[in-house]
Amino acid sequence: MSRGSEIFISILLLIVFLLPMALISVYLICVFRKKFLFVDERFGLNNTRINLFKFRTMWIEKNLQKSAVTEINDKRIIPFGKFLRKHRLDELPQILNVLSSNIALVGPRPEQI
């Protein structure tokens, strides 16, 4: 897929999902205050480090190690977060990653650090 078509499709997706993203953001801002986005550092093309954006679905725990694995019935996941994960709505902010050329619209997911 060419870069021009990725930009076009990403802008179209952003327009279509703008209202749901805004509503999700407002709800998560009420729950988490300012940190409603989860920013995960990943390896992109040629092992460059990129920040991957997702909606936050878990409580923020200060004593938790970064490599902690999420379990199926993890108690850290907020109830609305379960809904977001089930319907993959937590990944909508990745449209911004596609627009900024950090990831491709179609292809493998960036590796976790």
PDB file of N, CA and C in Angstrom:
ATOM      1  N   MET A   1       0.847  -1.168   0.000  1.00  0.00           N
ATOM      2  CA  MET A   1       0.000   0.000   0.000  1.00  0.00           C
ATOM      3  C   MET A   1       0.895   1.233   0.000  1.00  0.00           C
ATOM      4  N   SER A   2       0.594   2.181  -0.863  1.00  0.00           N
ATOM      5  CA  SER A   2       1.442   3.367  -0.968  1.00  0.00           C
ATOM      6  C   SER A   2       1.189   4.321   0.198  1.00  0.00           C
ATOM      7  N   ARG A   3       2.153   5.184   0.451  1.00  0.00           N
ATOM      8  CA  ARG A   3       2.059   6.130   1.556  1.00  0.00           C
ATOM      9  C   ARG A   3       0.884   7.089   1.355  1.00  0.00           C
ATOM     10  N   GLY A   4       0.648   7.499   0.120  1.00  0.00           N
ATOM     11  CA  GLY A   4      -0.472   8.404  -0.171  1.00  0.00           C
ATOM     12  C   GLY A   4      -1.818   7.782   0.155  1.00  0.00           C
ATOM     13  N   SER A   5      -1.975   6.502  -0.193  1.00  0.00           N
ATOM     14  CA  SER A   5      -3.241   5.837   0.116  1.00  0.00           C
ATOM     15  C   SER A   5      -3.392   5.600   1.618  1.00  0.00           C
ATOM     16  N   GLU A   6      -2.285   5.354   2.331  1.00  0.00           N
ATOM     17  CA  GLU A   6      -2.353   5.210   3.785  1.00  0.00           C
ATOM     18  C   GLU A   6      -2.802   6.503   4.443  1.00  0.00           C
ATOM     19  N   ILE A   7      -2.283   7.623   3.976  1.00  0.00           N
ATOM     20  CA  ILE A   7      -2.684   8.920   4.521  1.00  0.00           C
ATOM     21  C   ILE A   7      -4.166   9.174   4.247  1.00  0.00           C
ATOM     22  N   PHE A   8      -4.598   8.914   3.019  1.00  0.00           N
ATOM     23  CA  PHE A   8      -6.008   9.121   2.652  1.00  0.00           C
ATOM     24  C   PHE A   8      -6.924   8.263   3.507  1.00  0.00           C
ATOM     25  N   ILE A   9      -6.625   6.982   3.628  1.00  0.00           N
ATOM     26  CA  ILE A   9      -7.458   6.065   4.416  1.00  0.00           C
ATOM     27  C   ILE A   9      -7.419   6.445   5.894  1.00  0.00           C
ATOM     28  N   SER A  10      -6.268   6.845   6.391  1.00  0.00           N
ATOM     29  CA  SER A  10      -6.151   7.238   7.799  1.00  0.00           C
ATOM     30  C   SER A  10      -6.977   8.479   8.099  1.00  0.00           C
ATOM     31  N   ILE A  11      -6.955   9.451   7.206  1.00  0.00           N
ATOM     32  CA  ILE A  11      -7.768  10.659   7.403  1.00  0.00           C
ATOM     33  C   ILE A  11      -9.250  10.310   7.356  1.00  0.00           C
ATOM     34  N   LEU A  12      -9.617   9.440   6.440  1.00  0.00           N
ATOM     35  CA  LEU A  12     -11.004   8.995   6.351  1.00  0.00           C
ATOM     36  C   LEU A  12     -11.427   8.274   7.637  1.00  0.00           C
ATOM     37  N   LEU A  13     -10.576   7.374   8.139  1.00  0.00           N
ATOM     38  CA  LEU A  13     -10.867   6.671   9.384  1.00  0.00           C
ATOM     39  C   LEU A  13     -10.941   7.629  10.565  1.00  0.00           C
ATOM     40  N   LEU A  14     -10.081   8.625  10.572  1.00  0.00           N
ATOM     41  CA  LEU A  14     -10.088   9.612  11.649  1.00  0.00           C
ATOM     42  C   LEU A  14     -11.397  10.402  11.652  1.00  0.00           C
ATOM     43  N   ILE A  15     -11.885  10.758  10.473  1.00  0.00           N
ATOM     44  CA  ILE A  15     -13.154  11.473  10.379  1.00  0.00           C
ATOM     45  C   ILE A  15     -14.304  10.581  10.852  1.00  0.00           C
ATOM     46  N   VAL A  16     -14.312   9.323  10.412  1.00  0.00           N
ATOM     47  CA  VAL A  16     -15.385   8.399  10.787  1.00  0.00           C
ATOM     48  C   VAL A  16     -15.392   8.141  12.292  1.00  0.00           C
ATOM     49  N   PHE A  17     -14.209   7.962  12.881  1.00  0.00           N
ATOM     50  CA  PHE A  17     -14.125   7.594  14.297  1.00  0.00           C
ATOM     51  C   PHE A  17     -13.866   8.782  15.224  1.00  0.00           C
ATOM     52  N   LEU A  18     -13.960   9.999  14.708  1.00  0.00           N
ATOM     53  CA  LEU A  18     -13.671  11.171  15.533  1.00  0.00           C
ATOM     54  C   LEU A  18     -14.640  11.297  16.711  1.00  0.00           C
ATOM     55  N   LEU A  19     -15.919  11.132  16.475  1.00  0.00           N
ATOM     56  CA  LEU A  19     -16.898  11.246  17.562  1.00  0.00           C
ATOM     57  C   LEU A  19     -16.715  10.141  18.607  1.00  0.00           C
ATOM     58  N   PRO A  20     -16.617   8.854  18.199  1.00  0.00           N
ATOM     59  CA  PRO A  20     -16.372   7.827  19.228  1.00  0.00           C
ATOM     60  C   PRO A  20     -15.069   8.052  19.989  1.00  0.00           C
ATOM     61  N   MET A  21     -14.017   8.494  19.298  1.00  0.00           N
ATOM     62  CA  MET A  21     -12.746   8.754  19.973  1.00  0.00           C
ATOM     63  C   MET A  21     -12.881   9.904  20.962  1.00  0.00           C
ATOM     64  N   ALA A  22     -13.645  10.922  20.596  1.00  0.00           N
ATOM     65  CA  ALA A  22     -13.847  12.058  21.494  1.00  0.00           C
ATOM     66  C   ALA A  22     -14.634  11.632  22.731  1.00  0.00           C
ATOM     67  N   LEU A  23     -15.675  10.829  22.542  1.00  0.00           N
ATOM     68  CA  LEU A  23     -16.482  10.368  23.676  1.00  0.00           C
ATOM     69  C   LEU A  23     -15.669   9.468  24.609  1.00  0.00           C
ATOM     70  N   ILE A  24     -14.897   8.570  24.022  1.00  0.00           N
ATOM     71  CA  ILE A  24     -14.034   7.691  24.826  1.00  0.00           C
ATOM     72  C   ILE A  24     -13.018   8.529  25.591  1.00  0.00           C
ATOM     73  N   SER A  25     -12.432   9.525  24.925  1.00  0.00           N
ATOM     74  CA  SER A  25     -11.434  10.388  25.561  1.00  0.00           C
ATOM     75  C   SER A  25     -12.028  11.147  26.743  1.00  0.00           C
ATOM     76  N   VAL A  26     -13.228  11.693  26.572  1.00  0.00           N
ATOM     77  CA  VAL A  26     -13.867  12.447  27.656  1.00  0.00           C
ATOM     78  C   VAL A  26     -14.113  11.538  28.859  1.00  0.00           C
ATOM     79  N   TYR A  27     -14.611  10.332  28.595  1.00  0.00           N
ATOM     80  CA  TYR A  27     -14.853   9.401  29.694  1.00  0.00           C
ATOM     81  C   TYR A  27     -13.546   9.051  30.409  1.00  0.00           C
ATOM     82  N   LEU A  28     -12.517   8.726  29.642  1.00  0.00           N
ATOM     83  CA  LEU A  28     -11.245   8.334  30.244  1.00  0.00           C
ATOM     84  C   LEU A  28     -10.561   9.504  30.955  1.00  0.00           C
ATOM     85  N   ILE A  29     -10.756  10.729  30.472  1.00  0.00           N
ATOM     86  CA  ILE A  29     -10.218  11.898  31.170  1.00  0.00           C
ATOM     87  C   ILE A  29     -10.891  12.032  32.539  1.00  0.00           C
ATOM     88  N   CYS A  30     -12.187  11.747  32.593  1.00  0.00           N
ATOM     89  CA  CYS A  30     -12.900  11.793  33.877  1.00  0.00           C
ATOM     90  C   CYS A  30     -12.368  10.735  34.837  1.00  0.00           C
ATOM     91  N   VAL A  31     -11.987   9.584  34.321  1.00  0.00           N
ATOM     92  CA  VAL A  31     -11.497   8.490  35.164  1.00  0.00           C
ATOM     93  C   VAL A  31     -10.033   8.690  35.539  1.00  0.00           C
ATOM     94  N   PHE A  32      -9.181   8.995  34.555  1.00  0.00           N
ATOM     95  CA  PHE A  32      -7.734   9.027  34.761  1.00  0.00           C
ATOM     96  C   PHE A  32      -7.132  10.428  34.851  1.00  0.00           C
ATOM     97  N   ARG A  33      -7.930  11.447  34.762  1.00  0.00           N
ATOM     98  CA  ARG A  33      -7.471  12.830  34.701  1.00  0.00           C
ATOM     99  C   ARG A  33      -6.766  13.063  33.356  1.00  0.00           C
ATOM    100  N   LYS A  34      -5.513  13.416  33.378  1.00  0.00           N
ATOM    101  CA  LYS A  34      -4.826  13.782  32.139  1.00  0.00           C
ATOM    102  C   LYS A  34      -4.254  12.588  31.380  1.00  0.00           C
ATOM    103  N   LYS A  35      -3.985  11.490  32.050  1.00  0.00           N
ATOM    104  CA  LYS A  35      -3.300  10.366  31.404  1.00  0.00           C
ATOM    105  C   LYS A  35      -4.294   9.352  30.841  1.00  0.00           C
ATOM    106  N   PHE A  36      -5.072   9.772  29.838  1.00  0.00           N
ATOM    107  CA  PHE A  36      -6.062   8.883  29.249  1.00  0.00           C
ATOM    108  C   PHE A  36      -5.495   8.076  28.088  1.00  0.00           C
ATOM    109  N   LEU A  37      -4.316   8.444  27.614  1.00  0.00           N
ATOM    110  CA  LEU A  37      -3.646   7.678  26.564  1.00  0.00           C
ATOM    111  C   LEU A  37      -2.518   6.862  27.171  1.00  0.00           C
ATOM    112  N   PHE A  38      -2.397   5.643  26.694  1.00  0.00           N
ATOM    113  CA  PHE A  38      -1.284   4.786  27.076  1.00  0.00           C
ATOM    114  C   PHE A  38      -0.262   4.898  25.960  1.00  0.00           C
ATOM    115  N   VAL A  39       0.935   5.274  26.294  1.00  0.00           N
ATOM    116  CA  VAL A  39       2.007   5.419  25.306  1.00  0.00           C
ATOM    117  C   VAL A  39       3.009   4.309  25.567  1.00  0.00           C
ATOM    118  N   ASP A  40       3.164   3.433  24.591  1.00  0.00           N
ATOM    119  CA  ASP A  40       4.062   2.294  24.722  1.00  0.00           C
ATOM    120  C   ASP A  40       5.221   2.462  23.746  1.00  0.00           C
ATOM    121  N   GLU A  41       6.425   2.365  24.259  1.00  0.00           N
ATOM    122  CA  GLU A  41       7.601   2.489  23.395  1.00  0.00           C
ATOM    123  C   GLU A  41       7.842   1.153  22.705  1.00  0.00           C
ATOM    124  N   ARG A  42       7.961   1.192  21.386  1.00  0.00           N
ATOM    125  CA  ARG A  42       8.146  -0.027  20.587  1.00  0.00           C
ATOM    126  C   ARG A  42       9.288   0.171  19.597  1.00  0.00           C
ATOM    127  N   PHE A  43       9.701  -0.947  18.996  1.00  0.00           N
ATOM    128  CA  PHE A  43      10.676  -0.896  17.919  1.00  0.00           C
ATOM    129  C   PHE A  43       9.935  -0.839  16.592  1.00  0.00           C
ATOM    130  N   GLY A  44      10.254   0.156  15.785  1.00  0.00           N
ATOM    131  CA  GLY A  44       9.659   0.295  14.474  1.00  0.00           C
ATOM    132  C   GLY A  44      10.605  -0.204  13.394  1.00  0.00           C
ATOM    133  N   LEU A  45      10.445   0.326  12.202  1.00  0.00           N
ATOM    134  CA  LEU A  45      11.270  -0.046  11.066  1.00  0.00           C
ATOM    135  C   LEU A  45      12.730   0.299  11.355  1.00  0.00           C
ATOM    136  N   ASN A  46      13.625  -0.592  11.014  1.00  0.00           N
ATOM    137  CA  ASN A  46      15.074  -0.439  11.236  1.00  0.00           C
ATOM    138  C   ASN A  46      15.417  -0.232  12.712  1.00  0.00           C
ATOM    139  N   ASN A  47      14.639  -0.857  13.582  1.00  0.00           N
ATOM    140  CA  ASN A  47      14.844  -0.799  15.037  1.00  0.00           C
ATOM    141  C   ASN A  47      14.830   0.615  15.607  1.00  0.00           C
ATOM    142  N   THR A  48      14.105   1.521  14.963  1.00  0.00           N
ATOM    143  CA  THR A  48      13.930   2.850  15.537  1.00  0.00           C
ATOM    144  C   THR A  48      12.861   2.773  16.622  1.00  0.00           C
ATOM    145  N   ARG A  49      13.026   3.556  17.653  1.00  0.00           N
ATOM    146  CA  ARG A  49      12.055   3.566  18.747  1.00  0.00           C
ATOM    147  C   ARG A  49      10.908   4.506  18.396  1.00  0.00           C
ATOM    148  N   ILE A  50       9.687   3.999  18.557  1.00  0.00           N
ATOM    149  CA  ILE A  50       8.504   4.812  18.296  1.00  0.00           C
ATOM    150  C   ILE A  50       7.576   4.723  19.504  1.00  0.00           C
ATOM    151  N   ASN A  51       6.702   5.705  19.640  1.00  0.00           N
ATOM    152  CA  ASN A  51       5.686   5.681  20.677  1.00  0.00           C
ATOM    153  C   ASN A  51       4.361   5.271  20.053  1.00  0.00           C
ATOM    154  N   LEU A  52       3.797   4.188  20.539  1.00  0.00           N
ATOM    155  CA  LEU A  52       2.535   3.674  20.037  1.00  0.00           C
ATOM    156  C   LEU A  52       1.430   4.132  20.988  1.00  0.00           C
ATOM    157  N   PHE A  53       0.387   4.759  20.445  1.00  0.00           N
ATOM    158  CA  PHE A  53      -0.694   5.311  21.263  1.00  0.00           C
ATOM    159  C   PHE A  53      -1.882   4.359  21.335  1.00  0.00           C
ATOM    160  N   LYS A  54      -2.444   4.233  22.545  1.00  0.00           N
ATOM    161  CA  LYS A  54      -3.661   3.465  22.765  1.00  0.00           C
ATOM    162  C   LYS A  54      -4.453   4.164  23.859  1.00  0.00           C
ATOM    163  N   PHE A  55      -5.759   3.903  23.913  1.00  0.00           N
ATOM    164  CA  PHE A  55      -6.526   4.402  25.039  1.00  0.00           C
ATOM    165  C   PHE A  55      -6.166   3.585  26.271  1.00  0.00           C
ATOM    166  N   ARG A  56      -6.051   4.244  27.408  1.00  0.00           N
ATOM    167  CA  ARG A  56      -5.708   3.567  28.661  1.00  0.00           C
ATOM    168  C   ARG A  56      -6.905   2.735  29.112  1.00  0.00           C
ATOM    169  N   THR A  57      -6.663   1.467  29.428  1.00  0.00           N
ATOM    170  CA  THR A  57      -7.730   0.569  29.860  1.00  0.00           C
ATOM    171  C   THR A  57      -7.463  -0.019  31.238  1.00  0.00           C
ATOM    172  N   MET A  58      -6.337   0.333  31.831  1.00  0.00           N
ATOM    173  CA  MET A  58      -5.964  -0.232  33.126  1.00  0.00           C
ATOM    174  C   MET A  58      -5.641   0.888  34.112  1.00  0.00           C
ATOM    175  N   TRP A  59      -5.842   0.595  35.385  1.00  0.00           N
ATOM    176  CA  TRP A  59      -5.441   1.522  36.429  1.00  0.00           C
ATOM    177  C   TRP A  59      -3.929   1.694  36.393  1.00  0.00           C
ATOM    178  N   ILE A  60      -3.473   2.876  36.731  1.00  0.00           N
ATOM    179  CA  ILE A  60      -2.050   3.174  36.747  1.00  0.00           C
ATOM    180  C   ILE A  60      -1.489   2.734  38.093  1.00  0.00           C
ATOM    181  N   GLU A  61      -0.541   1.806  38.062  1.00  0.00           N
ATOM    182  CA  GLU A  61       0.095   1.334  39.291  1.00  0.00           C
ATOM    183  C   GLU A  61       1.553   1.730  39.259  1.00  0.00           C
ATOM    184  N   LYS A  62       1.969   2.459  40.270  1.00  0.00           N
ATOM    185  CA  LYS A  62       3.333   2.986  40.293  1.00  0.00           C
ATOM    186  C   LYS A  62       4.373   1.912  40.572  1.00  0.00           C
ATOM    187  N   ASN A  63       4.020   0.889  41.324  1.00  0.00           N
ATOM    188  CA  ASN A  63       4.992  -0.132  41.722  1.00  0.00           C
ATOM    189  C   ASN A  63       5.056  -1.296  40.736  1.00  0.00           C
ATOM    190  N   LEU A  64       4.343  -1.199  39.635  1.00  0.00           N
ATOM    191  CA  LEU A  64       4.288  -2.287  38.677  1.00  0.00           C
ATOM    192  C   LEU A  64       5.476  -2.216  37.723  1.00  0.00           C
ATOM    193  N   GLN A  65       6.093  -3.369  37.479  1.00  0.00           N
ATOM    194  CA  GLN A  65       7.193  -3.413  36.524  1.00  0.00           C
ATOM    195  C   GLN A  65       6.641  -3.272  35.115  1.00  0.00           C
ATOM    196  N   LYS A  66       7.431  -2.703  34.228  1.00  0.00           N
ATOM    197  CA  LYS A  66       6.984  -2.471  32.863  1.00  0.00           C
ATOM    198  C   LYS A  66       6.681  -3.775  32.121  1.00  0.00           C
ATOM    199  N   SER A  67       7.364  -4.837  32.463  1.00  0.00           N
ATOM    200  CA  SER A  67       7.194  -6.093  31.740  1.00  0.00           C
ATOM    201  C   SER A  67       6.049  -6.939  32.283  1.00  0.00           C
ATOM    202  N   ALA A  68       5.227  -6.400  33.180  1.00  0.00           N
ATOM    203  CA  ALA A  68       4.117  -7.167  33.737  1.00  0.00           C
ATOM    204  C   ALA A  68       3.131  -7.535  32.633  1.00  0.00           C
ATOM    205  N   VAL A  69       2.761  -8.796  32.592  1.00  0.00           N
ATOM    206  CA  VAL A  69       1.865  -9.307  31.559  1.00  0.00           C
ATOM    207  C   VAL A  69       0.421  -9.171  32.027  1.00  0.00           C
ATOM    208  N   THR A  70      -0.452  -8.782  31.123  1.00  0.00           N
ATOM    209  CA  THR A  70      -1.866  -8.678  31.435  1.00  0.00           C
ATOM    210  C   THR A  70      -2.495 -10.058  31.341  1.00  0.00           C
ATOM    211  N   GLU A  71      -3.234 -10.426  32.383  1.00  0.00           N
ATOM    212  CA  GLU A  71      -3.911 -11.716  32.408  1.00  0.00           C
ATOM    213  C   GLU A  71      -5.345 -11.546  31.908  1.00  0.00           C
ATOM    214  N   ILE A  72      -6.031 -12.670  31.693  1.00  0.00           N
ATOM    215  CA  ILE A  72      -7.391 -12.625  31.140  1.00  0.00           C
ATOM    216  C   ILE A  72      -8.343 -11.842  32.042  1.00  0.00           C
ATOM    217  N   ASN A  73      -8.404 -12.176  33.304  1.00  0.00           N
ATOM    218  CA  ASN A  73      -9.283 -11.477  34.245  1.00  0.00           C
ATOM    219  C   ASN A  73      -8.467 -10.584  35.169  1.00  0.00           C
ATOM    220  N   ASP A  74      -7.600  -9.778  34.593  1.00  0.00           N
ATOM    221  CA  ASP A  74      -6.710  -8.912  35.361  1.00  0.00           C
ATOM    222  C   ASP A  74      -7.530  -7.870  36.120  1.00  0.00           C
ATOM    223  N   LYS A  75      -7.269  -7.723  37.407  1.00  0.00           N
ATOM    224  CA  LYS A  75      -8.014  -6.795  38.251  1.00  0.00           C
ATOM    225  C   LYS A  75      -7.674  -5.337  37.969  1.00  0.00           C
ATOM    226  N   ARG A  76      -6.582  -5.105  37.254  1.00  0.00           N
ATOM    227  CA  ARG A  76      -6.187  -3.729  36.939  1.00  0.00           C
ATOM    228  C   ARG A  76      -7.010  -3.126  35.809  1.00  0.00           C
ATOM    229  N   ILE A  77      -7.699  -3.952  35.017  1.00  0.00           N
ATOM    230  CA  ILE A  77      -8.487  -3.460  33.881  1.00  0.00           C
ATOM    231  C   ILE A  77      -9.785  -2.850  34.402  1.00  0.00           C
ATOM    232  N   ILE A  78     -10.069  -1.611  33.998  1.00  0.00           N
ATOM    233  CA  ILE A  78     -11.305  -0.962  34.414  1.00  0.00           C
ATOM    234  C   ILE A  78     -12.472  -1.598  33.651  1.00  0.00           C
ATOM    235  N   PRO A  79     -13.695  -1.539  34.176  1.00  0.00           N
ATOM    236  CA  PRO A  79     -14.837  -2.160  33.477  1.00  0.00           C
ATOM    237  C   PRO A  79     -15.022  -1.656  32.044  1.00  0.00           C
ATOM    238  N   PHE A  80     -14.916  -0.348  31.847  1.00  0.00           N
ATOM    239  CA  PHE A  80     -15.039   0.198  30.491  1.00  0.00           C
ATOM    240  C   PHE A  80     -13.864  -0.245  29.620  1.00  0.00           C
ATOM    241  N   GLY A  81     -12.730  -0.476  30.252  1.00  0.00           N
ATOM    242  CA  GLY A  81     -11.554  -0.958  29.528  1.00  0.00           C
ATOM    243  C   GLY A  81     -11.783  -2.340  28.932  1.00  0.00           C
ATOM    244  N   LYS A  82     -12.533  -3.183  29.637  1.00  0.00           N
ATOM    245  CA  LYS A  82     -12.871  -4.509  29.102  1.00  0.00           C
ATOM    246  C   LYS A  82     -13.671  -4.378  27.817  1.00  0.00           C
ATOM    247  N   PHE A  83     -14.611  -3.436  27.811  1.00  0.00           N
ATOM    248  CA  PHE A  83     -15.416  -3.179  26.615  1.00  0.00           C
ATOM    249  C   PHE A  83     -14.529  -2.679  25.470  1.00  0.00           C
ATOM    250  N   LEU A  84     -13.650  -1.721  25.783  1.00  0.00           N
ATOM    251  CA  LEU A  84     -12.761  -1.182  24.755  1.00  0.00           C
ATOM    252  C   LEU A  84     -11.871  -2.260  24.159  1.00  0.00           C
ATOM    253  N   ARG A  85     -11.334  -3.126  25.008  1.00  0.00           N
ATOM    254  CA  ARG A  85     -10.453  -4.194  24.521  1.00  0.00           C
ATOM    255  C   ARG A  85     -11.215  -5.222  23.707  1.00  0.00           C
ATOM    256  N   LYS A  86     -12.402  -5.574  24.172  1.00  0.00           N
ATOM    257  CA  LYS A  86     -13.199  -6.586  23.471  1.00  0.00           C
ATOM    258  C   LYS A  86     -13.502  -6.151  22.040  1.00  0.00           C
ATOM    259  N   HIS A  87     -13.814  -4.873  21.862  1.00  0.00           N
ATOM    260  CA  HIS A  87     -14.171  -4.346  20.547  1.00  0.00           C
ATOM    261  C   HIS A  87     -13.006  -3.654  19.846  1.00  0.00           C
ATOM    262  N   ARG A  88     -11.807  -3.759  20.411  1.00  0.00           N
ATOM    263  CA  ARG A  88     -10.570  -3.200  19.855  1.00  0.00           C
ATOM    264  C   ARG A  88     -10.622  -1.680  19.687  1.00  0.00           C
ATOM    265  N   LEU A  89     -11.468  -1.022  20.457  1.00  0.00           N
ATOM    266  CA  LEU A  89     -11.564   0.436  20.391  1.00  0.00           C
ATOM    267  C   LEU A  89     -10.392   1.106  21.079  1.00  0.00           C
ATOM    268  N   ASP A  90      -9.688   0.382  21.932  1.00  0.00           N
ATOM    269  CA  ASP A  90      -8.521   0.952  22.608  1.00  0.00           C
ATOM    270  C   ASP A  90      -7.398   1.252  21.625  1.00  0.00           C
ATOM    271  N   GLU A  91      -7.464   0.696  20.435  1.00  0.00           N
ATOM    272  CA  GLU A  91      -6.405   0.875  19.445  1.00  0.00           C
ATOM    273  C   GLU A  91      -6.702   1.979  18.433  1.00  0.00           C
ATOM    274  N   LEU A  92      -7.827   2.667  18.565  1.00  0.00           N
ATOM    275  CA  LEU A  92      -8.160   3.744  17.626  1.00  0.00           C
ATOM    276  C   LEU A  92      -7.111   4.852  17.552  1.00  0.00           C
ATOM    277  N   PRO A  93      -6.471   5.246  18.656  1.00  0.00           N
ATOM    278  CA  PRO A  93      -5.456   6.301  18.536  1.00  0.00           C
ATOM    279  C   PRO A  93      -4.261   5.935  17.652  1.00  0.00           C
ATOM    280  N   GLN A  94      -4.143   4.676  17.288  1.00  0.00           N
ATOM    281  CA  GLN A  94      -3.041   4.282  16.409  1.00  0.00           C
ATOM    282  C   GLN A  94      -3.200   4.860  15.010  1.00  0.00           C
ATOM    283  N   ILE A  95      -4.389   5.379  14.705  1.00  0.00           N
ATOM    284  CA  ILE A  95      -4.570   6.103  13.443  1.00  0.00           C
ATOM    285  C   ILE A  95      -3.586   7.269  13.383  1.00  0.00           C
ATOM    286  N   LEU A  96      -3.347   7.886  14.538  1.00  0.00           N
ATOM    287  CA  LEU A  96      -2.383   8.992  14.602  1.00  0.00           C
ATOM    288  C   LEU A  96      -0.965   8.507  14.321  1.00  0.00           C
ATOM    289  N   ASN A  97      -0.659   7.274  14.746  1.00  0.00           N
ATOM    290  CA  ASN A  97       0.650   6.701  14.437  1.00  0.00           C
ATOM    291  C   ASN A  97       0.822   6.480  12.936  1.00  0.00           C
ATOM    292  N   VAL A  98      -0.249   6.077  12.268  1.00  0.00           N
ATOM    293  CA  VAL A  98      -0.183   5.869  10.821  1.00  0.00           C
ATOM    294  C   VAL A  98       0.014   7.210  10.121  1.00  0.00           C
ATOM    295  N   LEU A  99      -0.711   8.237  10.575  1.00  0.00           N
ATOM    296  CA  LEU A  99      -0.565   9.561   9.960  1.00  0.00           C
ATOM    297  C   LEU A  99       0.834  10.132  10.138  1.00  0.00           C
ATOM    298  N   SER A 100       1.476   9.813  11.257  1.00  0.00           N
ATOM    299  CA  SER A 100       2.826  10.345  11.497  1.00  0.00           C
ATOM    300  C   SER A 100       3.923   9.436  10.941  1.00  0.00           C
ATOM    301  N   SER A 101       3.548   8.440  10.158  1.00  0.00           N
ATOM    302  CA  SER A 101       4.483   7.513   9.494  1.00  0.00           C
ATOM    303  C   SER A 101       5.244   6.608  10.461  1.00  0.00           C
ATOM    304  N   ASN A 102       4.770   6.472  11.692  1.00  0.00           N
ATOM    305  CA  ASN A 102       5.441   5.568  12.630  1.00  0.00           C
ATOM    306  C   ASN A 102       5.135   4.103  12.342  1.00  0.00           C
ATOM    307  N   ILE A 103       3.901   3.833  11.916  1.00  0.00           N
ATOM    308  CA  ILE A 103       3.512   2.466  11.583  1.00  0.00           C
ATOM    309  C   ILE A 103       2.735   2.490  10.281  1.00  0.00           C
ATOM    310  N   ALA A 104       2.632   1.316   9.659  1.00  0.00           N
ATOM    311  CA  ALA A 104       1.865   1.186   8.427  1.00  0.00           C
ATOM    312  C   ALA A 104       0.446   0.748   8.765  1.00  0.00           C
ATOM    313  N   LEU A 105      -0.481   1.059   7.869  1.00  0.00           N
ATOM    314  CA  LEU A 105      -1.867   0.677   8.081  1.00  0.00           C
ATOM    315  C   LEU A 105      -2.031  -0.837   8.021  1.00  0.00           C
ATOM    316  N   VAL A 106      -1.300  -1.469   7.119  1.00  0.00           N
ATOM    317  CA  VAL A 106      -1.328  -2.922   6.977  1.00  0.00           C
ATOM    318  C   VAL A 106       0.092  -3.442   7.147  1.00  0.00           C
ATOM    319  N   GLY A 107       0.235  -4.427   7.986  1.00  0.00           N
ATOM    320  CA  GLY A 107       1.561  -4.995   8.190  1.00  0.00           C
ATOM    321  C   GLY A 107       1.739  -5.472   9.599  1.00  0.00           C
ATOM    322  N   PRO A 108       2.925  -5.924   9.920  1.00  0.00           N
ATOM    323  CA  PRO A 108       3.166  -6.449  11.271  1.00  0.00           C
ATOM    324  C   PRO A 108       3.143  -5.343  12.311  1.00  0.00           C
ATOM    325  N   ARG A 109       2.761  -5.722  13.535  1.00  0.00           N
ATOM    326  CA  ARG A 109       2.759  -4.772  14.642  1.00  0.00           C
ATOM    327  C   ARG A 109       4.193  -4.538  15.101  1.00  0.00           C
ATOM    328  N   PRO A 110       4.488  -3.341  15.552  1.00  0.00           N
ATOM    329  CA  PRO A 110       5.830  -3.063  16.069  1.00  0.00           C
ATOM    330  C   PRO A 110       6.128  -3.941  17.290  1.00  0.00           C
ATOM    331  N   GLU A 111       7.362  -4.388  17.404  1.00  0.00           N
ATOM    332  CA  GLU A 111       7.772  -5.250  18.510  1.00  0.00           C
ATOM    333  C   GLU A 111       7.857  -4.481  19.806  1.00  0.00           C
ATOM    334  N   GLN A 112       7.472  -5.126  20.900  1.00  0.00           N
ATOM    335  CA  GLN A 112       7.595  -4.502  22.210  1.00  0.00           C
ATOM    336  C   GLN A 112       9.052  -4.479  22.652  1.00  0.00           C
ATOM    337  N   ILE A 113       9.386  -3.443  23.397  1.00  0.00           N
ATOM    338  CA  ILE A 113      10.751  -3.305  23.904  1.00  0.00           C
ATOM    339  C   ILE A 113      10.871  -4.087  25.177  1.00  0.00           C
TER     340      ILE A 113
END
